[in-house]
N, C-alpha and C. Protein backbone atom coordinates (compact mmCIF):
# COMPACT_ATOMS: atom_id res chain seq x y z
N UNK A 1 -36.40 0.52 -31.68
CA UNK A 1 -35.90 1.63 -30.91
C UNK A 1 -34.54 2.04 -31.49
N UNK A 2 -34.37 3.33 -31.76
CA UNK A 2 -33.12 3.84 -32.33
C UNK A 2 -32.03 3.88 -31.27
N UNK A 3 -30.82 3.53 -31.69
CA UNK A 3 -29.68 3.57 -30.79
C UNK A 3 -29.21 5.01 -30.68
N UNK A 4 -29.03 5.51 -29.44
CA UNK A 4 -28.55 6.88 -29.29
C UNK A 4 -27.02 6.87 -29.23
N UNK A 5 -26.43 7.94 -29.70
CA UNK A 5 -24.98 8.08 -29.70
C UNK A 5 -24.60 9.00 -28.55
N UNK A 6 -23.75 8.51 -27.68
CA UNK A 6 -23.28 9.31 -26.55
C UNK A 6 -22.07 10.12 -27.01
N UNK A 7 -22.13 11.43 -26.77
CA UNK A 7 -21.05 12.31 -27.18
C UNK A 7 -20.62 13.18 -26.01
N UNK A 8 -19.33 13.50 -25.96
CA UNK A 8 -18.88 14.42 -24.92
C UNK A 8 -19.51 15.79 -25.13
N UNK A 9 -19.80 16.54 -24.04
CA UNK A 9 -20.34 17.89 -24.19
C UNK A 9 -19.39 18.75 -25.02
N UNK A 10 -19.94 19.56 -25.90
CA UNK A 10 -19.13 20.43 -26.75
C UNK A 10 -18.49 19.72 -27.93
N UNK A 11 -18.86 18.46 -28.13
CA UNK A 11 -18.29 17.69 -29.24
C UNK A 11 -18.75 18.27 -30.57
N UNK A 12 -17.85 18.27 -31.54
CA UNK A 12 -18.18 18.80 -32.87
C UNK A 12 -18.65 17.72 -33.82
N UNK A 13 -18.88 16.52 -33.31
CA UNK A 13 -19.31 15.44 -34.19
C UNK A 13 -20.81 15.52 -34.41
N UNK A 14 -21.24 15.09 -35.56
CA UNK A 14 -22.67 15.08 -35.85
C UNK A 14 -23.30 13.91 -35.12
N UNK A 15 -24.61 13.95 -34.90
CA UNK A 15 -25.28 12.87 -34.18
C UNK A 15 -25.07 11.50 -34.82
N UNK A 16 -24.78 11.45 -36.10
CA UNK A 16 -24.62 10.16 -36.75
C UNK A 16 -23.18 9.63 -36.65
N UNK A 17 -22.26 10.46 -36.14
CA UNK A 17 -20.87 10.06 -36.03
C UNK A 17 -20.56 9.62 -34.60
N UNK A 18 -20.01 8.45 -34.46
CA UNK A 18 -19.64 7.96 -33.14
C UNK A 18 -18.27 8.54 -32.77
N UNK A 19 -18.14 9.09 -31.56
CA UNK A 19 -16.85 9.65 -31.13
C UNK A 19 -15.75 8.59 -31.18
N UNK A 20 -14.47 9.02 -31.28
CA UNK A 20 -13.36 8.07 -31.38
C UNK A 20 -12.99 7.48 -30.01
N UNK A 21 -13.91 6.70 -29.45
CA UNK A 21 -13.72 6.16 -28.11
C UNK A 21 -12.53 5.21 -28.00
N UNK A 22 -12.15 4.57 -29.10
CA UNK A 22 -11.09 3.57 -29.02
C UNK A 22 -9.83 4.13 -28.36
N UNK A 23 -9.40 5.30 -28.79
CA UNK A 23 -8.17 5.88 -28.23
C UNK A 23 -8.44 7.10 -27.35
N UNK A 24 -9.68 7.57 -27.31
CA UNK A 24 -10.03 8.71 -26.47
C UNK A 24 -10.99 8.31 -25.35
N UNK A 25 -11.13 7.01 -25.14
CA UNK A 25 -12.01 6.53 -24.08
C UNK A 25 -11.20 6.11 -22.87
N UNK A 26 -11.41 4.91 -22.40
CA UNK A 26 -10.73 4.38 -21.21
C UNK A 26 -9.25 4.16 -21.51
N UNK A 27 -8.39 4.49 -20.56
CA UNK A 27 -6.95 4.24 -20.68
C UNK A 27 -6.51 3.34 -19.53
N UNK A 28 -5.79 2.29 -19.84
CA UNK A 28 -5.20 1.43 -18.83
C UNK A 28 -3.70 1.64 -18.92
N UNK A 29 -3.09 2.10 -17.83
CA UNK A 29 -1.68 2.42 -17.83
C UNK A 29 -0.94 1.31 -17.08
N UNK A 30 -0.16 0.49 -17.79
CA UNK A 30 0.57 -0.59 -17.12
C UNK A 30 1.56 -0.03 -16.09
N UNK A 31 1.71 -0.73 -14.98
CA UNK A 31 2.56 -0.25 -13.89
C UNK A 31 4.01 -0.06 -14.30
N UNK A 32 4.46 -0.80 -15.31
CA UNK A 32 5.86 -0.67 -15.72
C UNK A 32 6.08 0.48 -16.70
N UNK A 33 5.03 1.31 -16.94
CA UNK A 33 5.18 2.45 -17.85
C UNK A 33 4.99 3.79 -17.14
N UNK A 34 4.97 3.79 -15.81
CA UNK A 34 4.80 5.05 -15.09
C UNK A 34 5.98 5.97 -15.36
N UNK A 35 5.72 7.28 -15.35
CA UNK A 35 6.70 8.28 -15.76
C UNK A 35 7.28 9.02 -14.56
N UNK A 36 8.58 8.87 -14.30
CA UNK A 36 9.23 9.57 -13.19
C UNK A 36 9.72 10.96 -13.60
N UNK A 37 9.45 11.37 -14.83
CA UNK A 37 9.81 12.70 -15.28
C UNK A 37 8.73 13.69 -14.82
N UNK A 38 8.65 13.87 -13.51
CA UNK A 38 7.66 14.71 -12.86
C UNK A 38 8.37 15.42 -11.71
N UNK A 39 7.88 16.59 -11.24
CA UNK A 39 8.58 17.26 -10.14
C UNK A 39 8.79 16.31 -8.96
N UNK A 40 10.02 16.29 -8.45
CA UNK A 40 10.39 15.40 -7.36
C UNK A 40 10.71 16.21 -6.11
N UNK A 41 10.59 15.55 -4.98
CA UNK A 41 10.97 16.11 -3.69
C UNK A 41 12.03 15.19 -3.11
N UNK A 42 13.13 15.74 -2.59
CA UNK A 42 14.17 14.86 -2.03
C UNK A 42 13.59 13.88 -1.01
N UNK A 43 14.01 12.60 -1.11
CA UNK A 43 13.56 11.57 -0.18
C UNK A 43 12.45 10.68 -0.72
N UNK A 44 11.91 11.01 -1.88
CA UNK A 44 10.82 10.20 -2.43
C UNK A 44 10.97 10.11 -3.94
N UNK A 45 10.29 9.12 -4.52
CA UNK A 45 10.21 9.01 -5.97
C UNK A 45 8.74 9.02 -6.37
N UNK A 46 8.34 10.04 -7.14
CA UNK A 46 6.99 10.11 -7.68
C UNK A 46 7.01 9.59 -9.11
N UNK A 47 5.94 8.89 -9.50
CA UNK A 47 5.81 8.40 -10.87
C UNK A 47 4.37 8.65 -11.34
N UNK A 48 4.24 9.34 -12.45
CA UNK A 48 2.92 9.71 -12.97
C UNK A 48 2.31 8.56 -13.78
N UNK A 49 1.04 8.31 -13.53
CA UNK A 49 0.26 7.36 -14.32
C UNK A 49 -0.73 8.14 -15.18
N UNK A 50 -1.46 9.06 -14.55
CA UNK A 50 -2.51 9.83 -15.19
C UNK A 50 -2.17 11.31 -15.10
N UNK A 51 -2.06 11.98 -16.25
CA UNK A 51 -1.92 13.42 -16.29
C UNK A 51 -2.32 13.89 -17.69
N UNK A 52 -2.24 15.18 -17.92
CA UNK A 52 -2.67 15.70 -19.22
C UNK A 52 -1.82 15.13 -20.36
N UNK A 53 -0.50 15.15 -20.19
CA UNK A 53 0.39 14.71 -21.26
C UNK A 53 0.20 13.23 -21.61
N UNK A 54 -0.05 12.40 -20.61
CA UNK A 54 -0.12 10.96 -20.86
C UNK A 54 -1.48 10.51 -21.36
N UNK A 55 -2.58 11.06 -20.81
CA UNK A 55 -3.91 10.57 -21.19
C UNK A 55 -4.92 11.68 -21.49
N UNK A 56 -4.48 12.94 -21.36
CA UNK A 56 -5.40 14.05 -21.60
C UNK A 56 -6.21 14.47 -20.40
N UNK A 57 -5.87 13.95 -19.21
CA UNK A 57 -6.61 14.32 -18.00
C UNK A 57 -6.47 15.81 -17.76
N UNK A 58 -7.60 16.48 -17.53
CA UNK A 58 -7.57 17.92 -17.36
C UNK A 58 -7.82 18.36 -15.93
N UNK A 59 -8.39 17.49 -15.11
CA UNK A 59 -8.75 17.91 -13.75
C UNK A 59 -8.15 17.03 -12.66
N UNK A 60 -7.22 16.14 -13.02
CA UNK A 60 -6.59 15.34 -11.98
C UNK A 60 -5.24 14.82 -12.42
N UNK A 61 -4.45 14.44 -11.44
CA UNK A 61 -3.14 13.82 -11.63
C UNK A 61 -3.15 12.62 -10.69
N UNK A 62 -2.65 11.48 -11.16
CA UNK A 62 -2.57 10.29 -10.30
C UNK A 62 -1.28 9.55 -10.61
N UNK A 63 -0.71 8.98 -9.59
CA UNK A 63 0.52 8.21 -9.75
C UNK A 63 0.87 7.51 -8.46
N UNK A 64 2.14 7.15 -8.37
CA UNK A 64 2.62 6.45 -7.18
C UNK A 64 3.74 7.26 -6.53
N UNK A 65 3.96 6.97 -5.26
CA UNK A 65 5.09 7.55 -4.55
C UNK A 65 5.70 6.45 -3.69
N UNK A 66 7.03 6.38 -3.70
CA UNK A 66 7.76 5.41 -2.90
C UNK A 66 8.77 6.16 -2.04
N UNK A 67 8.78 5.85 -0.76
CA UNK A 67 9.76 6.43 0.16
C UNK A 67 10.56 5.27 0.75
N UNK A 68 11.87 5.36 0.63
CA UNK A 68 12.74 4.28 1.10
C UNK A 68 12.69 4.13 2.62
N UNK A 69 13.08 2.96 3.15
CA UNK A 69 13.06 2.75 4.59
C UNK A 69 13.81 3.85 5.34
N UNK A 70 13.21 4.30 6.46
CA UNK A 70 13.80 5.27 7.37
C UNK A 70 14.14 6.60 6.67
N UNK A 71 13.46 6.90 5.56
CA UNK A 71 13.72 8.15 4.82
C UNK A 71 12.58 9.13 5.02
N UNK A 72 12.85 10.39 4.75
CA UNK A 72 11.81 11.42 4.82
C UNK A 72 12.03 12.40 3.68
N UNK A 73 10.95 13.01 3.27
CA UNK A 73 11.04 14.01 2.21
C UNK A 73 11.44 15.34 2.83
N UNK A 74 11.82 16.26 1.97
CA UNK A 74 11.95 17.63 2.42
C UNK A 74 10.57 18.23 2.57
N UNK A 75 10.49 19.33 3.30
CA UNK A 75 9.21 20.03 3.43
C UNK A 75 8.83 20.60 2.06
N UNK A 76 7.54 20.55 1.73
CA UNK A 76 7.06 21.04 0.45
C UNK A 76 5.56 21.29 0.51
N UNK A 77 5.02 21.92 -0.53
CA UNK A 77 3.57 22.03 -0.69
C UNK A 77 3.26 21.86 -2.17
N UNK A 78 1.97 21.77 -2.50
CA UNK A 78 1.56 21.54 -3.89
C UNK A 78 0.69 22.69 -4.41
N UNK A 79 1.00 23.91 -3.96
CA UNK A 79 0.28 25.08 -4.47
C UNK A 79 -1.22 24.96 -4.29
N UNK A 80 -1.95 25.29 -5.34
CA UNK A 80 -3.42 25.31 -5.29
C UNK A 80 -4.06 23.92 -5.35
N UNK A 81 -3.25 22.87 -5.43
CA UNK A 81 -3.80 21.52 -5.60
C UNK A 81 -4.16 20.86 -4.28
N UNK A 82 -5.25 20.09 -4.30
CA UNK A 82 -5.58 19.19 -3.20
C UNK A 82 -4.93 17.85 -3.53
N UNK A 83 -4.47 17.14 -2.49
CA UNK A 83 -3.84 15.84 -2.70
C UNK A 83 -4.50 14.79 -1.83
N UNK A 84 -4.59 13.58 -2.37
CA UNK A 84 -5.06 12.41 -1.62
C UNK A 84 -3.99 11.34 -1.75
N UNK A 85 -3.60 10.77 -0.63
CA UNK A 85 -2.61 9.69 -0.61
C UNK A 85 -3.30 8.46 -0.04
N UNK A 86 -3.16 7.34 -0.74
CA UNK A 86 -3.69 6.05 -0.26
C UNK A 86 -2.49 5.16 0.04
N UNK A 87 -2.37 4.71 1.28
CA UNK A 87 -1.23 3.89 1.68
C UNK A 87 -1.46 2.44 1.28
N UNK A 88 -0.55 1.92 0.44
CA UNK A 88 -0.61 0.52 0.01
C UNK A 88 0.18 -0.39 0.94
N UNK A 89 1.39 0.06 1.29
CA UNK A 89 2.31 -0.78 2.05
C UNK A 89 3.19 0.11 2.91
N UNK A 90 3.42 -0.31 4.14
CA UNK A 90 4.29 0.44 5.03
C UNK A 90 3.53 1.34 5.97
N UNK A 91 4.27 2.23 6.62
CA UNK A 91 3.69 3.13 7.61
C UNK A 91 4.12 4.55 7.29
N UNK A 92 3.14 5.42 7.02
CA UNK A 92 3.41 6.83 6.68
C UNK A 92 3.28 7.69 7.93
N UNK A 93 4.25 8.53 8.14
CA UNK A 93 4.16 9.54 9.19
C UNK A 93 4.15 10.89 8.46
N UNK A 94 3.08 11.64 8.68
CA UNK A 94 2.93 12.95 8.02
C UNK A 94 3.15 14.05 9.05
N UNK A 95 4.00 15.02 8.67
CA UNK A 95 4.16 16.23 9.48
C UNK A 95 3.66 17.39 8.63
N UNK A 96 3.04 18.39 9.27
CA UNK A 96 2.55 19.54 8.52
C UNK A 96 2.48 20.77 9.41
N UNK A 97 2.34 21.92 8.77
CA UNK A 97 2.25 23.20 9.47
C UNK A 97 3.41 24.11 9.09
N UNK A 98 3.36 25.36 9.56
CA UNK A 98 4.40 26.35 9.25
C UNK A 98 5.79 25.86 9.64
N UNK A 99 5.87 25.11 10.75
CA UNK A 99 7.14 24.57 11.23
C UNK A 99 7.05 23.05 11.36
N UNK A 100 6.15 22.44 10.58
CA UNK A 100 5.92 20.99 10.64
C UNK A 100 5.64 20.55 12.08
N UNK A 101 4.80 21.37 12.76
CA UNK A 101 4.56 21.18 14.18
C UNK A 101 3.46 20.16 14.51
N UNK A 102 2.81 19.60 13.49
CA UNK A 102 1.77 18.61 13.72
C UNK A 102 2.17 17.29 13.08
N UNK A 103 1.70 16.16 13.63
CA UNK A 103 2.08 14.84 13.11
C UNK A 103 0.91 13.87 13.26
N UNK A 104 0.79 12.96 12.29
CA UNK A 104 -0.16 11.85 12.36
C UNK A 104 0.42 10.71 11.53
N UNK A 105 -0.03 9.49 11.81
CA UNK A 105 0.45 8.32 11.08
C UNK A 105 -0.69 7.61 10.36
N UNK A 106 -0.34 6.91 9.28
CA UNK A 106 -1.31 6.16 8.48
C UNK A 106 -0.66 4.85 8.04
N UNK A 107 -1.49 3.81 7.94
CA UNK A 107 -1.00 2.51 7.50
C UNK A 107 -1.77 2.01 6.29
N UNK A 108 -1.49 0.77 5.86
CA UNK A 108 -2.14 0.21 4.68
C UNK A 108 -3.67 0.33 4.76
N UNK A 109 -4.26 0.84 3.67
CA UNK A 109 -5.71 1.02 3.61
C UNK A 109 -6.17 2.38 4.06
N UNK A 110 -5.29 3.18 4.67
CA UNK A 110 -5.66 4.52 5.13
C UNK A 110 -5.50 5.54 4.01
N UNK A 111 -6.34 6.58 4.06
CA UNK A 111 -6.26 7.71 3.15
C UNK A 111 -5.70 8.91 3.91
N UNK A 112 -4.96 9.75 3.22
CA UNK A 112 -4.44 11.00 3.77
C UNK A 112 -4.89 12.12 2.84
N UNK A 113 -5.43 13.19 3.40
CA UNK A 113 -5.85 14.35 2.60
C UNK A 113 -4.94 15.53 2.94
N UNK A 114 -4.40 16.17 1.92
CA UNK A 114 -3.55 17.35 2.10
C UNK A 114 -4.20 18.51 1.34
N UNK A 115 -4.71 19.53 2.07
CA UNK A 115 -5.33 20.69 1.41
C UNK A 115 -4.31 21.53 0.65
N UNK A 116 -4.79 22.44 -0.22
CA UNK A 116 -3.88 23.32 -0.94
C UNK A 116 -2.98 24.14 0.00
N UNK A 117 -1.77 24.39 -0.44
CA UNK A 117 -0.79 25.28 0.19
C UNK A 117 -0.25 24.80 1.53
N UNK A 118 -0.68 23.65 2.05
CA UNK A 118 -0.23 23.21 3.37
C UNK A 118 1.20 22.67 3.30
N UNK A 119 2.14 23.31 4.02
CA UNK A 119 3.49 22.76 4.09
C UNK A 119 3.44 21.40 4.78
N UNK A 120 4.09 20.40 4.19
CA UNK A 120 4.06 19.07 4.80
C UNK A 120 5.31 18.28 4.45
N UNK A 121 5.45 17.16 5.13
CA UNK A 121 6.59 16.27 4.94
C UNK A 121 6.11 14.84 5.13
N UNK A 122 6.47 13.96 4.18
CA UNK A 122 6.16 12.55 4.31
C UNK A 122 7.39 11.85 4.89
N UNK A 123 7.14 10.95 5.83
CA UNK A 123 8.22 10.21 6.48
C UNK A 123 7.86 8.73 6.45
N UNK A 124 8.82 7.90 6.09
CA UNK A 124 8.61 6.46 6.20
C UNK A 124 8.93 6.10 7.64
N UNK A 125 7.90 5.67 8.38
CA UNK A 125 8.07 5.36 9.80
C UNK A 125 8.76 4.02 10.05
N UNK A 126 9.01 3.26 8.98
CA UNK A 126 9.67 1.95 9.12
C UNK A 126 11.15 2.07 8.78
N UNK A 127 11.97 1.39 9.56
CA UNK A 127 13.40 1.37 9.30
C UNK A 127 13.78 0.31 8.26
N UNK A 128 12.88 -0.69 8.00
CA UNK A 128 13.25 -1.77 7.07
C UNK A 128 12.33 -1.96 5.87
N UNK A 129 11.19 -1.28 5.81
CA UNK A 129 10.23 -1.53 4.74
C UNK A 129 9.96 -0.25 3.95
N UNK A 130 9.89 -0.38 2.61
CA UNK A 130 9.52 0.77 1.78
C UNK A 130 8.09 1.19 2.09
N UNK A 131 7.82 2.47 1.95
CA UNK A 131 6.47 3.00 2.05
C UNK A 131 5.98 3.21 0.62
N UNK A 132 4.89 2.53 0.25
CA UNK A 132 4.34 2.62 -1.10
C UNK A 132 2.93 3.16 -1.03
N UNK A 133 2.67 4.19 -1.85
CA UNK A 133 1.37 4.85 -1.83
C UNK A 133 0.90 5.16 -3.25
N UNK A 134 -0.41 5.34 -3.37
CA UNK A 134 -1.01 5.89 -4.59
C UNK A 134 -1.33 7.34 -4.26
N UNK A 135 -1.03 8.23 -5.20
CA UNK A 135 -1.18 9.66 -4.99
C UNK A 135 -2.10 10.23 -6.06
N UNK A 136 -3.07 11.06 -5.64
CA UNK A 136 -3.98 11.73 -6.57
C UNK A 136 -4.02 13.21 -6.25
N UNK A 137 -4.07 14.03 -7.31
CA UNK A 137 -4.14 15.48 -7.13
C UNK A 137 -5.26 16.05 -7.97
N UNK A 138 -5.72 17.24 -7.59
CA UNK A 138 -6.93 17.83 -8.17
C UNK A 138 -6.71 18.60 -9.47
N UNK A 139 -5.60 18.41 -10.15
CA UNK A 139 -5.36 19.08 -11.43
C UNK A 139 -4.42 18.21 -12.24
N UNK A 140 -4.42 18.40 -13.54
CA UNK A 140 -3.56 17.61 -14.41
C UNK A 140 -2.10 18.00 -14.38
N UNK A 141 -1.79 19.12 -13.72
CA UNK A 141 -0.39 19.54 -13.64
C UNK A 141 0.24 19.01 -12.36
N UNK A 142 1.53 18.79 -12.41
CA UNK A 142 2.27 18.33 -11.23
C UNK A 142 2.96 19.54 -10.62
N UNK A 143 2.58 19.88 -9.40
CA UNK A 143 3.18 21.01 -8.70
C UNK A 143 3.81 20.49 -7.42
N UNK A 144 5.09 20.77 -7.22
CA UNK A 144 5.79 20.45 -5.97
C UNK A 144 6.73 21.60 -5.69
N UNK A 145 6.44 22.36 -4.64
CA UNK A 145 7.26 23.51 -4.26
C UNK A 145 8.03 23.13 -3.01
N UNK A 146 9.34 22.93 -3.16
CA UNK A 146 10.18 22.55 -2.02
C UNK A 146 10.42 23.77 -1.14
N UNK A 147 10.39 23.55 0.18
CA UNK A 147 10.48 24.64 1.16
C UNK A 147 11.69 24.45 2.07
N UNK A 148 12.24 25.55 2.55
CA UNK A 148 13.33 25.52 3.52
C UNK A 148 12.73 25.86 4.88
N UNK A 149 12.32 24.82 5.61
CA UNK A 149 11.64 24.99 6.91
C UNK A 149 12.49 24.35 7.99
N UNK A 150 12.66 25.06 9.09
CA UNK A 150 13.31 24.49 10.28
C UNK A 150 12.20 23.89 11.15
N UNK A 151 12.05 22.55 11.16
CA UNK A 151 10.93 21.94 11.89
C UNK A 151 11.11 21.99 13.40
N UNK A 152 9.98 22.02 14.11
CA UNK A 152 10.03 21.92 15.57
C UNK A 152 10.57 20.54 15.93
N UNK A 153 11.16 20.44 17.11
CA UNK A 153 11.78 19.18 17.52
C UNK A 153 10.75 18.12 17.87
N UNK A 154 9.68 18.51 18.59
CA UNK A 154 8.65 17.54 19.00
C UNK A 154 7.29 18.02 18.50
N UNK A 155 6.81 17.44 17.38
CA UNK A 155 5.50 17.87 16.86
C UNK A 155 4.35 17.35 17.73
N UNK A 156 3.23 18.04 17.64
CA UNK A 156 2.02 17.66 18.37
C UNK A 156 1.25 16.61 17.57
N UNK A 157 0.90 15.50 18.23
CA UNK A 157 0.14 14.44 17.57
C UNK A 157 -1.31 14.88 17.41
N UNK A 158 -1.85 14.66 16.22
CA UNK A 158 -3.23 15.08 15.92
C UNK A 158 -4.04 13.86 15.50
N UNK A 159 -5.20 13.67 16.13
CA UNK A 159 -6.12 12.59 15.77
C UNK A 159 -7.19 13.18 14.86
N UNK A 160 -7.54 12.47 13.79
CA UNK A 160 -8.54 12.93 12.85
C UNK A 160 -9.92 12.95 13.49
N UNK A 161 -10.69 13.99 13.18
CA UNK A 161 -12.07 14.13 13.66
C UNK A 161 -12.97 14.09 12.44
N UNK A 162 -13.92 13.15 12.43
CA UNK A 162 -14.87 13.00 11.32
C UNK A 162 -15.89 14.13 11.41
N UNK A 163 -15.85 15.06 10.47
CA UNK A 163 -16.76 16.22 10.50
C UNK A 163 -18.21 15.84 10.21
N UNK A 164 -18.41 14.71 9.52
CA UNK A 164 -19.78 14.31 9.18
C UNK A 164 -20.39 13.39 10.23
N UNK A 165 -19.57 12.73 11.04
CA UNK A 165 -20.06 11.83 12.08
C UNK A 165 -19.29 12.07 13.39
N UNK A 166 -19.40 13.26 13.98
CA UNK A 166 -18.66 13.55 15.21
C UNK A 166 -19.10 12.63 16.33
N UNK A 167 -18.16 12.30 17.18
CA UNK A 167 -18.46 11.39 18.32
C UNK A 167 -19.18 12.11 19.42
């Protein structure tokens, strides 16, 4: 049985040439090499692991975000990008809306989804522990648009509703 050669779509290599998978295949990015030269929002530190410049990713961005104890970010959005936040350690309090009028909390193991253009703010709900998260976005570019929003004093608490398994 002849061995078939797997090639990326649109590859210019001939069927007899194996693509250069060694350096264009899987990338493992050591945690001590994350890049903080990415758009920042006051109150947090973002560090890129996966993006176009670092690994050639064209449809996603991934990295980490750390928020110091009792700190909060400024209000911001990420333009046309969707974002997913996975909480590793600590307690995240998210505010969102035109005046940051909605609020929900997440802890270790929880996922947070932020749709495109949604004004939001991340808050470390702990006074003594750092909030550590993994962050993923739907494009290889890093977009962070800081906003000047006067938030409402008492936001409305919102409980997530599972659209695929409603109660």
